[in-house]
C-alpha cells in the first residue's frame, strides 16, 4: 500500500490483478448485476488508490480493507438504484380473498384503490416524496438530500400530498 500511495504504477497493477476477482465477486453478490458490479469494483479500486496513504496495517489486512470499501460502495449503489420511486400505476393491488371475504375486506380494498387512484393524479412533486417515504422508508432529510431540495420544502410537499390523500379517502 505504501508503494501505491507513492504512485508506483507496477504496485497498482499488481494490486488490481491480485484482488480484482474477489472485489468483482463481492460486488456482484451484493448488487446482482454484472454491469453495476463492474462499476462498483472500479470505484472500489479508485477509492483504495486515492486513500492508499490512509491504510493502517494495524487495523486489519489489505484484503479486508478493500473488501469493506467494495461492500460499502455496492450497498450504496444498490440503495441508489432502489430509491427510484415507482409510478403509482405499478403499485400492487391488494388481492380479493386475502381476508375473510366479508364486507370489511371489500371496503378496505375500495379505500386502497381510491388512494392509489389519487396517487396517480397527484403532481409528481407531491407523490414522489410520499412514495420515497412510505415505500422506501426514507426520512424527509434523506429525501431532501437525494432530490436536492430544502428540508422544509420536502416536509411541506409530504404534508400537502398526505392531506390530499386523506381528503380523497375521506379520512378525518
N, C-alpha and C. Protein backbone atom coordinates (compact mmCIF):
# COMPACT_ATOMS: atom_id res chain seq x y z
N UNK A 1 0.83 -1.19 0.00
CA UNK A 1 0.00 0.00 0.00
C UNK A 1 0.87 1.25 0.00
N UNK A 2 2.02 1.17 0.64
CA UNK A 2 2.93 2.32 0.64
C UNK A 2 3.41 2.62 -0.77
N UNK A 3 3.66 1.57 -1.55
CA UNK A 3 4.10 1.78 -2.93
C UNK A 3 2.99 2.39 -3.78
N UNK A 4 1.77 1.98 -3.54
CA UNK A 4 0.63 2.56 -4.26
C UNK A 4 0.48 4.02 -3.87
N UNK A 5 0.60 4.31 -2.59
CA UNK A 5 0.49 5.68 -2.12
C UNK A 5 1.60 6.55 -2.71
N UNK A 6 2.75 5.95 -2.97
CA UNK A 6 3.87 6.69 -3.55
C UNK A 6 3.71 6.86 -5.07
N UNK A 7 2.70 6.24 -5.64
CA UNK A 7 2.43 6.42 -7.06
C UNK A 7 3.12 5.43 -7.97
N UNK A 8 3.58 4.32 -7.44
CA UNK A 8 4.26 3.32 -8.26
C UNK A 8 3.23 2.54 -9.08
N UNK A 9 3.31 2.67 -10.40
CA UNK A 9 2.35 2.05 -11.30
C UNK A 9 2.38 0.53 -11.22
N UNK A 10 3.58 -0.04 -11.10
CA UNK A 10 3.68 -1.50 -11.04
C UNK A 10 2.97 -2.06 -9.82
N UNK A 11 3.08 -1.37 -8.71
CA UNK A 11 2.43 -1.81 -7.48
C UNK A 11 0.91 -1.74 -7.63
N UNK A 12 0.44 -0.70 -8.30
CA UNK A 12 -1.00 -0.56 -8.51
C UNK A 12 -1.53 -1.67 -9.41
N UNK A 13 -0.81 -1.96 -10.50
CA UNK A 13 -1.22 -3.03 -11.40
C UNK A 13 -1.23 -4.37 -10.66
N UNK A 14 -0.22 -4.65 -9.89
CA UNK A 14 -0.15 -5.90 -9.13
C UNK A 14 -1.30 -5.99 -8.12
N UNK A 15 -1.62 -4.88 -7.49
CA UNK A 15 -2.70 -4.82 -6.51
C UNK A 15 -4.04 -5.15 -7.17
N UNK A 16 -4.29 -4.53 -8.31
CA UNK A 16 -5.56 -4.77 -9.01
C UNK A 16 -5.64 -6.22 -9.47
N UNK A 17 -4.58 -6.72 -10.06
CA UNK A 17 -4.59 -8.11 -10.54
C UNK A 17 -4.81 -9.10 -9.40
N UNK A 18 -4.23 -8.80 -8.26
CA UNK A 18 -4.34 -9.72 -7.12
C UNK A 18 -5.76 -9.78 -6.56
N UNK A 19 -6.45 -8.64 -6.53
CA UNK A 19 -7.73 -8.59 -5.85
C UNK A 19 -8.95 -8.41 -6.77
N UNK A 20 -8.74 -8.29 -8.07
CA UNK A 20 -9.87 -7.96 -8.94
C UNK A 20 -10.98 -9.02 -8.91
N UNK A 21 -10.65 -10.27 -8.88
CA UNK A 21 -11.69 -11.31 -8.87
C UNK A 21 -12.50 -11.26 -7.58
N UNK A 22 -11.84 -11.08 -6.46
CA UNK A 22 -12.55 -11.04 -5.17
C UNK A 22 -13.44 -9.81 -5.07
N UNK A 23 -12.91 -8.67 -5.53
CA UNK A 23 -13.68 -7.42 -5.46
C UNK A 23 -14.90 -7.51 -6.36
N UNK A 24 -14.69 -7.95 -7.60
CA UNK A 24 -15.82 -8.08 -8.53
C UNK A 24 -16.83 -9.10 -8.01
N UNK A 25 -16.36 -10.22 -7.49
CA UNK A 25 -17.25 -11.25 -6.96
C UNK A 25 -18.11 -10.73 -5.82
N UNK A 26 -17.50 -9.99 -4.91
CA UNK A 26 -18.27 -9.43 -3.81
C UNK A 26 -19.29 -8.42 -4.33
N UNK A 27 -18.86 -7.54 -5.21
CA UNK A 27 -19.78 -6.54 -5.77
C UNK A 27 -20.95 -7.22 -6.48
N UNK A 28 -20.66 -8.25 -7.25
CA UNK A 28 -21.71 -8.96 -7.97
C UNK A 28 -22.67 -9.65 -7.01
N UNK A 29 -22.15 -10.22 -5.95
CA UNK A 29 -23.03 -10.90 -4.99
C UNK A 29 -23.95 -9.92 -4.27
N UNK A 30 -23.52 -8.68 -4.12
CA UNK A 30 -24.36 -7.68 -3.45
C UNK A 30 -25.37 -7.07 -4.41
N UNK A 31 -24.91 -6.63 -5.59
CA UNK A 31 -25.81 -5.89 -6.49
C UNK A 31 -26.56 -6.79 -7.46
N UNK A 32 -25.99 -7.96 -7.79
CA UNK A 32 -26.70 -8.89 -8.66
C UNK A 32 -26.73 -8.51 -10.14
N UNK A 33 -26.01 -7.47 -10.53
CA UNK A 33 -26.00 -7.02 -11.92
C UNK A 33 -24.54 -6.90 -12.36
N UNK A 34 -24.13 -7.66 -13.39
CA UNK A 34 -22.72 -7.64 -13.79
C UNK A 34 -22.20 -6.25 -14.18
N UNK A 35 -22.99 -5.47 -14.88
CA UNK A 35 -22.56 -4.14 -15.27
C UNK A 35 -22.36 -3.23 -14.08
N UNK A 36 -23.31 -3.26 -13.17
CA UNK A 36 -23.19 -2.43 -11.97
C UNK A 36 -22.05 -2.94 -11.09
N UNK A 37 -21.85 -4.25 -11.05
CA UNK A 37 -20.75 -4.82 -10.26
C UNK A 37 -19.40 -4.35 -10.80
N UNK A 38 -19.27 -4.24 -12.12
CA UNK A 38 -18.02 -3.74 -12.70
C UNK A 38 -17.77 -2.29 -12.28
N UNK A 39 -18.83 -1.48 -12.29
CA UNK A 39 -18.69 -0.09 -11.86
C UNK A 39 -18.29 0.00 -10.40
N UNK A 40 -18.92 -0.80 -9.57
CA UNK A 40 -18.61 -0.81 -8.14
C UNK A 40 -17.16 -1.24 -7.93
N UNK A 41 -16.73 -2.28 -8.63
CA UNK A 41 -15.35 -2.77 -8.48
C UNK A 41 -14.36 -1.69 -8.89
N UNK A 42 -14.64 -1.04 -10.01
CA UNK A 42 -13.74 0.03 -10.45
C UNK A 42 -13.69 1.16 -9.42
N UNK A 43 -14.85 1.55 -8.92
CA UNK A 43 -14.89 2.61 -7.91
C UNK A 43 -14.14 2.20 -6.64
N UNK A 44 -14.22 0.92 -6.28
CA UNK A 44 -13.52 0.44 -5.09
C UNK A 44 -12.01 0.56 -5.27
N UNK A 45 -11.51 0.18 -6.43
CA UNK A 45 -10.07 0.30 -6.68
C UNK A 45 -9.63 1.76 -6.74
N UNK A 46 -10.44 2.61 -7.34
CA UNK A 46 -10.10 4.04 -7.38
C UNK A 46 -10.06 4.62 -5.97
N UNK A 47 -11.05 4.25 -5.16
CA UNK A 47 -11.06 4.75 -3.79
C UNK A 47 -9.86 4.24 -3.00
N UNK A 48 -9.53 2.97 -3.18
CA UNK A 48 -8.37 2.40 -2.49
C UNK A 48 -7.09 3.10 -2.94
N UNK A 49 -6.97 3.37 -4.22
CA UNK A 49 -5.80 4.07 -4.75
C UNK A 49 -5.69 5.48 -4.16
N UNK A 50 -6.83 6.19 -4.11
CA UNK A 50 -6.83 7.57 -3.57
C UNK A 50 -6.51 7.61 -2.09
N UNK A 51 -6.91 6.58 -1.37
CA UNK A 51 -6.75 6.58 0.09
C UNK A 51 -5.67 5.59 0.55
N UNK A 52 -4.80 5.20 -0.34
CA UNK A 52 -3.76 4.23 0.00
C UNK A 52 -2.88 4.72 1.15
N UNK A 53 -2.63 6.00 1.20
CA UNK A 53 -1.78 6.54 2.26
C UNK A 53 -2.46 6.45 3.64
N UNK A 54 -3.78 6.34 3.65
CA UNK A 54 -4.50 6.28 4.92
C UNK A 54 -4.62 4.85 5.46
N UNK A 55 -4.29 3.88 4.65
CA UNK A 55 -4.39 2.49 5.10
C UNK A 55 -3.49 2.27 6.31
N UNK A 56 -4.06 1.67 7.34
CA UNK A 56 -3.33 1.39 8.57
C UNK A 56 -3.26 -0.13 8.76
N UNK A 57 -2.06 -0.72 8.58
CA UNK A 57 -1.95 -2.18 8.72
C UNK A 57 -2.29 -2.68 10.12
N UNK A 58 -2.24 -1.81 11.10
CA UNK A 58 -2.58 -2.21 12.46
C UNK A 58 -4.07 -2.46 12.64
N UNK A 59 -4.88 -1.99 11.72
CA UNK A 59 -6.33 -2.14 11.85
C UNK A 59 -6.87 -3.33 11.07
N UNK A 60 -6.05 -3.97 10.27
CA UNK A 60 -6.53 -5.13 9.52
C UNK A 60 -5.75 -5.34 8.25
N UNK A 61 -6.07 -6.46 7.59
CA UNK A 61 -5.38 -6.81 6.36
C UNK A 61 -5.86 -5.94 5.20
N UNK A 62 -5.04 -5.85 4.17
CA UNK A 62 -5.38 -5.07 2.98
C UNK A 62 -6.65 -5.62 2.34
N UNK A 63 -6.75 -6.93 2.24
CA UNK A 63 -7.92 -7.54 1.61
C UNK A 63 -9.20 -7.16 2.36
N UNK A 64 -9.15 -7.19 3.67
CA UNK A 64 -10.33 -6.82 4.47
C UNK A 64 -10.70 -5.36 4.24
N UNK A 65 -9.71 -4.50 4.20
CA UNK A 65 -9.93 -3.07 3.98
C UNK A 65 -10.55 -2.84 2.61
N UNK A 66 -10.00 -3.47 1.58
CA UNK A 66 -10.50 -3.30 0.23
C UNK A 66 -11.91 -3.88 0.07
N UNK A 67 -12.15 -5.04 0.66
CA UNK A 67 -13.48 -5.64 0.55
C UNK A 67 -14.53 -4.86 1.34
N UNK A 68 -14.12 -4.21 2.40
CA UNK A 68 -15.05 -3.35 3.14
C UNK A 68 -15.43 -2.15 2.27
N UNK A 69 -14.45 -1.57 1.61
CA UNK A 69 -14.74 -0.46 0.68
C UNK A 69 -15.71 -0.94 -0.39
N UNK A 70 -15.44 -2.11 -0.95
CA UNK A 70 -16.28 -2.66 -2.01
C UNK A 70 -17.70 -2.89 -1.53
N UNK A 71 -17.83 -3.50 -0.37
CA UNK A 71 -19.17 -3.77 0.17
C UNK A 71 -19.94 -2.47 0.38
N UNK A 72 -19.30 -1.47 0.96
CA UNK A 72 -19.98 -0.20 1.21
C UNK A 72 -20.42 0.45 -0.09
N UNK A 73 -19.55 0.44 -1.09
CA UNK A 73 -19.91 1.02 -2.38
C UNK A 73 -21.04 0.24 -3.05
N UNK A 74 -21.02 -1.08 -2.93
CA UNK A 74 -22.08 -1.90 -3.53
C UNK A 74 -23.42 -1.64 -2.86
N UNK A 75 -23.42 -1.55 -1.55
CA UNK A 75 -24.66 -1.26 -0.83
C UNK A 75 -25.18 0.12 -1.23
N UNK A 76 -24.29 1.10 -1.32
CA UNK A 76 -24.71 2.44 -1.74
C UNK A 76 -25.28 2.42 -3.15
N UNK A 77 -24.64 1.71 -4.06
CA UNK A 77 -25.12 1.63 -5.44
C UNK A 77 -26.49 0.97 -5.49
N UNK A 78 -26.66 -0.08 -4.72
CA UNK A 78 -27.94 -0.77 -4.68
C UNK A 78 -29.03 0.13 -4.10
N UNK A 79 -28.69 0.85 -3.05
CA UNK A 79 -29.64 1.75 -2.42
C UNK A 79 -30.06 2.86 -3.40
N UNK A 80 -29.10 3.43 -4.10
CA UNK A 80 -29.42 4.46 -5.08
C UNK A 80 -30.29 3.92 -6.19
N UNK A 81 -30.04 2.72 -6.57
CA UNK A 81 -30.80 2.10 -7.64
C UNK A 81 -32.24 1.85 -7.21
N UNK A 82 -32.44 1.47 -5.98
CA UNK A 82 -33.78 1.16 -5.47
C UNK A 82 -34.56 2.39 -5.06
N UNK A 83 -33.89 3.52 -4.95
CA UNK A 83 -34.57 4.71 -4.47
C UNK A 83 -35.41 5.40 -5.53
N UNK A 84 -35.47 4.86 -6.72
CA UNK A 84 -36.30 5.46 -7.73
C UNK A 84 -37.74 5.06 -7.45
N UNK A 85 -38.60 6.03 -7.16
CA UNK A 85 -39.97 5.67 -6.80
C UNK A 85 -40.71 5.05 -7.98
N UNK A 86 -41.68 4.27 -7.64
CA UNK A 86 -42.47 3.56 -8.62
C UNK A 86 -43.67 4.41 -8.99
N UNK A 87 -44.03 4.37 -10.25
CA UNK A 87 -45.25 5.03 -10.69
C UNK A 87 -46.41 4.40 -9.93
N UNK A 88 -47.33 5.19 -9.38
CA UNK A 88 -48.44 4.62 -8.61
C UNK A 88 -49.25 3.60 -9.38
N UNK A 89 -49.25 3.69 -10.71
CA UNK A 89 -49.98 2.70 -11.51
C UNK A 89 -49.39 1.31 -11.34
N UNK A 90 -48.11 1.23 -10.98
CA UNK A 90 -47.44 -0.06 -10.84
C UNK A 90 -47.50 -0.60 -9.42
N UNK A 91 -48.07 0.16 -8.49
CA UNK A 91 -48.17 -0.35 -7.12
C UNK A 91 -49.08 -1.56 -7.10
N UNK A 92 -48.73 -2.57 -6.33
CA UNK A 92 -49.57 -3.78 -6.32
C UNK A 92 -50.92 -3.51 -5.70
N UNK A 93 -51.91 -4.15 -6.25
CA UNK A 93 -53.26 -4.06 -5.70
C UNK A 93 -53.47 -5.18 -4.70
N UNK A 94 -54.18 -4.90 -3.61
CA UNK A 94 -54.50 -5.98 -2.69
C UNK A 94 -55.41 -6.99 -3.39
N UNK A 95 -55.22 -8.25 -3.09
CA UNK A 95 -56.00 -9.29 -3.75
C UNK A 95 -57.26 -9.60 -2.96
N UNK A 96 -58.31 -9.89 -3.70
CA UNK A 96 -59.51 -10.39 -3.04
C UNK A 96 -59.20 -11.76 -2.47
N UNK A 97 -59.85 -12.11 -1.38
CA UNK A 97 -59.66 -13.44 -0.83
C UNK A 97 -58.56 -13.52 0.20
N UNK A 98 -57.83 -12.45 0.43
CA UNK A 98 -56.79 -12.49 1.47
C UNK A 98 -57.42 -12.50 2.85
N UNK A 99 -58.48 -11.74 2.97
CA UNK A 99 -59.14 -11.66 4.27
C UNK A 99 -60.21 -12.73 4.41
N UNK A 100 -61.23 -12.41 5.22
CA UNK A 100 -62.29 -13.39 5.44
C UNK A 100 -63.38 -13.30 4.39
N UNK A 101 -63.26 -12.35 3.46
CA UNK A 101 -64.24 -12.23 2.39
C UNK A 101 -65.44 -11.43 2.79
N UNK A 102 -65.45 -10.85 3.98
CA UNK A 102 -66.58 -10.06 4.43
C UNK A 102 -66.59 -8.68 3.82
N UNK A 103 -67.59 -7.92 4.21
CA UNK A 103 -67.75 -6.55 3.69
C UNK A 103 -66.58 -5.67 4.06
N UNK A 104 -65.99 -5.90 5.25
CA UNK A 104 -64.86 -5.07 5.68
C UNK A 104 -63.70 -5.19 4.69
N UNK A 105 -63.47 -6.37 4.17
CA UNK A 105 -62.40 -6.58 3.21
C UNK A 105 -62.64 -5.82 1.92
N UNK A 106 -63.90 -5.83 1.45
CA UNK A 106 -64.23 -5.11 0.22
C UNK A 106 -64.12 -3.60 0.43
N UNK A 107 -64.52 -3.13 1.60
CA UNK A 107 -64.41 -1.70 1.89
C UNK A 107 -62.95 -1.27 1.95
N UNK A 108 -62.13 -2.08 2.60
CA UNK A 108 -60.70 -1.75 2.69
C UNK A 108 -60.07 -1.74 1.30
N UNK A 109 -60.45 -2.71 0.47
CA UNK A 109 -59.95 -2.77 -0.90
C UNK A 109 -60.34 -1.52 -1.66
N UNK A 110 -61.58 -1.07 -1.48
CA UNK A 110 -62.04 0.14 -2.15
C UNK A 110 -61.26 1.37 -1.70
N UNK A 111 -60.94 1.45 -0.40
CA UNK A 111 -60.16 2.58 0.10
C UNK A 111 -58.75 2.58 -0.47
N UNK A 112 -58.13 1.40 -0.53
CA UNK A 112 -56.79 1.29 -1.08
C UNK A 112 -56.79 1.73 -2.54
N UNK A 113 -57.79 1.29 -3.29
CA UNK A 113 -57.88 1.68 -4.70
C UNK A 113 -58.08 3.19 -4.85
N UNK A 114 -58.87 3.79 -3.97
CA UNK A 114 -59.06 5.25 -4.03
C UNK A 114 -57.74 5.97 -3.77
N UNK A 115 -56.97 5.48 -2.81
CA UNK A 115 -55.67 6.09 -2.51
C UNK A 115 -54.73 5.93 -3.70
N UNK A 116 -54.70 4.74 -4.29
CA UNK A 116 -53.85 4.52 -5.48
C UNK A 116 -54.26 5.46 -6.61
N UNK A 117 -55.58 5.59 -6.82
CA UNK A 117 -56.04 6.49 -7.89
C UNK A 117 -55.63 7.93 -7.61
N UNK A 118 -55.73 8.35 -6.36
CA UNK A 118 -55.34 9.72 -6.02
C UNK A 118 -53.84 9.91 -6.16
N UNK A 119 -53.05 8.91 -5.81
CA UNK A 119 -51.60 8.99 -6.01
C UNK A 119 -51.27 9.18 -7.48
N UNK A 120 -52.04 8.54 -8.35
CA UNK A 120 -51.80 8.67 -9.79
C UNK A 120 -52.04 10.09 -10.28
N UNK A 121 -53.01 10.78 -9.70
CA UNK A 121 -53.34 12.11 -10.20
C UNK A 121 -52.61 13.23 -9.44
N UNK A 122 -51.98 12.87 -8.32
CA UNK A 122 -51.19 13.88 -7.61
C UNK A 122 -50.04 14.35 -8.50
N UNK A 123 -49.69 15.62 -8.43
CA UNK A 123 -48.50 16.07 -9.16
C UNK A 123 -47.27 15.31 -8.64
N UNK A 124 -46.32 15.09 -9.54
CA UNK A 124 -45.12 14.32 -9.17
C UNK A 124 -44.39 14.95 -7.99
N UNK A 125 -44.42 16.27 -7.88
CA UNK A 125 -43.72 16.91 -6.77
C UNK A 125 -44.33 16.56 -5.42
N UNK A 126 -45.60 16.13 -5.41
CA UNK A 126 -46.23 15.71 -4.16
C UNK A 126 -46.18 14.18 -3.99
N UNK A 127 -46.35 13.44 -5.07
CA UNK A 127 -46.39 11.98 -4.93
C UNK A 127 -44.99 11.39 -4.73
N UNK A 128 -43.97 11.97 -5.36
CA UNK A 128 -42.62 11.42 -5.26
C UNK A 128 -42.11 11.38 -3.82
N UNK A 129 -42.20 12.48 -3.05
CA UNK A 129 -41.73 12.40 -1.66
C UNK A 129 -42.53 11.41 -0.81
N UNK A 130 -43.82 11.28 -1.10
CA UNK A 130 -44.63 10.32 -0.35
C UNK A 130 -44.18 8.90 -0.65
N UNK A 131 -43.98 8.60 -1.93
CA UNK A 131 -43.54 7.26 -2.30
C UNK A 131 -42.16 6.95 -1.75
N UNK A 132 -41.25 7.93 -1.79
CA UNK A 132 -39.92 7.70 -1.23
C UNK A 132 -39.99 7.44 0.27
N UNK A 133 -40.90 8.13 0.92
CA UNK A 133 -41.03 7.97 2.36
C UNK A 133 -41.73 6.67 2.74
N UNK A 134 -42.86 6.41 2.13
CA UNK A 134 -43.66 5.26 2.51
C UNK A 134 -43.10 3.96 1.94
N UNK A 135 -42.78 3.95 0.66
CA UNK A 135 -42.34 2.70 0.01
C UNK A 135 -40.89 2.37 0.30
N UNK A 136 -40.05 3.40 0.46
CA UNK A 136 -38.62 3.15 0.62
C UNK A 136 -38.11 3.48 2.01
N UNK A 137 -38.97 4.02 2.87
CA UNK A 137 -38.59 4.27 4.25
C UNK A 137 -37.60 5.40 4.45
N UNK A 138 -37.51 6.31 3.48
CA UNK A 138 -36.57 7.42 3.62
C UNK A 138 -37.15 8.50 4.51
N UNK A 139 -36.30 9.16 5.25
CA UNK A 139 -36.73 10.29 6.06
C UNK A 139 -36.82 11.53 5.17
N UNK A 140 -37.45 12.57 5.69
CA UNK A 140 -37.55 13.82 4.93
C UNK A 140 -36.16 14.38 4.63
N UNK A 141 -35.25 14.25 5.58
CA UNK A 141 -33.89 14.75 5.37
C UNK A 141 -33.19 13.96 4.26
N UNK A 142 -33.38 12.64 4.22
CA UNK A 142 -32.78 11.83 3.16
C UNK A 142 -33.37 12.18 1.80
N UNK A 143 -34.68 12.40 1.76
CA UNK A 143 -35.33 12.78 0.51
C UNK A 143 -34.80 14.13 0.05
N UNK A 144 -34.68 15.08 0.97
CA UNK A 144 -34.17 16.40 0.62
C UNK A 144 -32.77 16.30 0.04
N UNK A 145 -31.95 15.49 0.64
CA UNK A 145 -30.58 15.31 0.16
C UNK A 145 -30.56 14.69 -1.23
N UNK A 146 -31.34 13.66 -1.44
CA UNK A 146 -31.35 12.97 -2.73
C UNK A 146 -31.97 13.81 -3.84
N UNK A 147 -32.99 14.60 -3.50
CA UNK A 147 -33.68 15.38 -4.51
C UNK A 147 -33.06 16.77 -4.69
N UNK A 148 -32.14 17.14 -3.81
CA UNK A 148 -31.52 18.46 -3.91
C UNK A 148 -32.48 19.58 -3.55
N UNK A 149 -33.35 19.33 -2.59
CA UNK A 149 -34.34 20.31 -2.17
C UNK A 149 -34.13 20.68 -0.71
N UNK A 150 -34.59 21.85 -0.31
CA UNK A 150 -34.54 22.20 1.11
C UNK A 150 -35.44 21.26 1.93
N UNK A 151 -35.02 20.99 3.14
CA UNK A 151 -35.77 20.09 4.01
C UNK A 151 -37.21 20.57 4.21
N UNK A 152 -37.39 21.86 4.42
CA UNK A 152 -38.73 22.42 4.63
C UNK A 152 -39.64 22.19 3.43
N UNK A 153 -39.09 22.28 2.24
CA UNK A 153 -39.87 22.05 1.02
C UNK A 153 -40.35 20.60 0.96
N UNK A 154 -39.47 19.68 1.28
CA UNK A 154 -39.84 18.27 1.25
C UNK A 154 -40.93 17.99 2.28
N UNK A 155 -40.77 18.52 3.49
CA UNK A 155 -41.78 18.30 4.53
C UNK A 155 -43.13 18.89 4.12
N UNK A 156 -43.10 20.06 3.50
CA UNK A 156 -44.34 20.69 3.04
C UNK A 156 -45.01 19.85 1.96
N UNK A 157 -44.21 19.34 1.03
CA UNK A 157 -44.77 18.52 -0.05
C UNK A 157 -45.37 17.23 0.48
N UNK A 158 -44.71 16.63 1.45
CA UNK A 158 -45.26 15.41 2.06
C UNK A 158 -46.57 15.73 2.76
N UNK A 159 -46.58 16.81 3.53
CA UNK A 159 -47.78 17.20 4.27
C UNK A 159 -48.94 17.49 3.32
N UNK A 160 -48.67 18.26 2.27
CA UNK A 160 -49.73 18.59 1.29
C UNK A 160 -50.22 17.34 0.56
N UNK A 161 -49.30 16.49 0.17
CA UNK A 161 -49.69 15.27 -0.53
C UNK A 161 -50.53 14.36 0.35
N UNK A 162 -50.12 14.19 1.60
CA UNK A 162 -50.89 13.36 2.52
C UNK A 162 -52.26 13.96 2.80
N UNK A 163 -52.33 15.28 2.88
CA UNK A 163 -53.63 15.93 3.09
C UNK A 163 -54.57 15.65 1.93
N UNK A 164 -54.04 15.68 0.71
CA UNK A 164 -54.89 15.38 -0.46
C UNK A 164 -55.30 13.91 -0.47
N UNK A 165 -54.40 13.03 -0.03
CA UNK A 165 -54.77 11.62 0.04
C UNK A 165 -55.84 11.38 1.10
N UNK A 166 -55.70 12.05 2.24
CA UNK A 166 -56.72 11.92 3.30
C UNK A 166 -58.08 12.41 2.79
N UNK A 167 -58.04 13.54 2.10
CA UNK A 167 -59.27 14.10 1.56
C UNK A 167 -59.91 13.13 0.56
N UNK A 168 -59.12 12.53 -0.30
CA UNK A 168 -59.64 11.59 -1.28
C UNK A 168 -60.21 10.34 -0.61
N UNK A 169 -59.58 9.92 0.48
CA UNK A 169 -60.03 8.72 1.20
C UNK A 169 -61.12 9.06 2.23
N UNK A 170 -61.44 10.35 2.35
CA UNK A 170 -62.43 10.82 3.32
C UNK A 170 -62.08 10.42 4.73
N UNK A 171 -60.78 10.57 5.07
CA UNK A 171 -60.29 10.29 6.43
C UNK A 171 -60.26 11.60 7.18
N UNK A 172 -60.85 11.65 8.37
CA UNK A 172 -60.88 12.91 9.13
C UNK A 172 -59.52 13.34 9.61
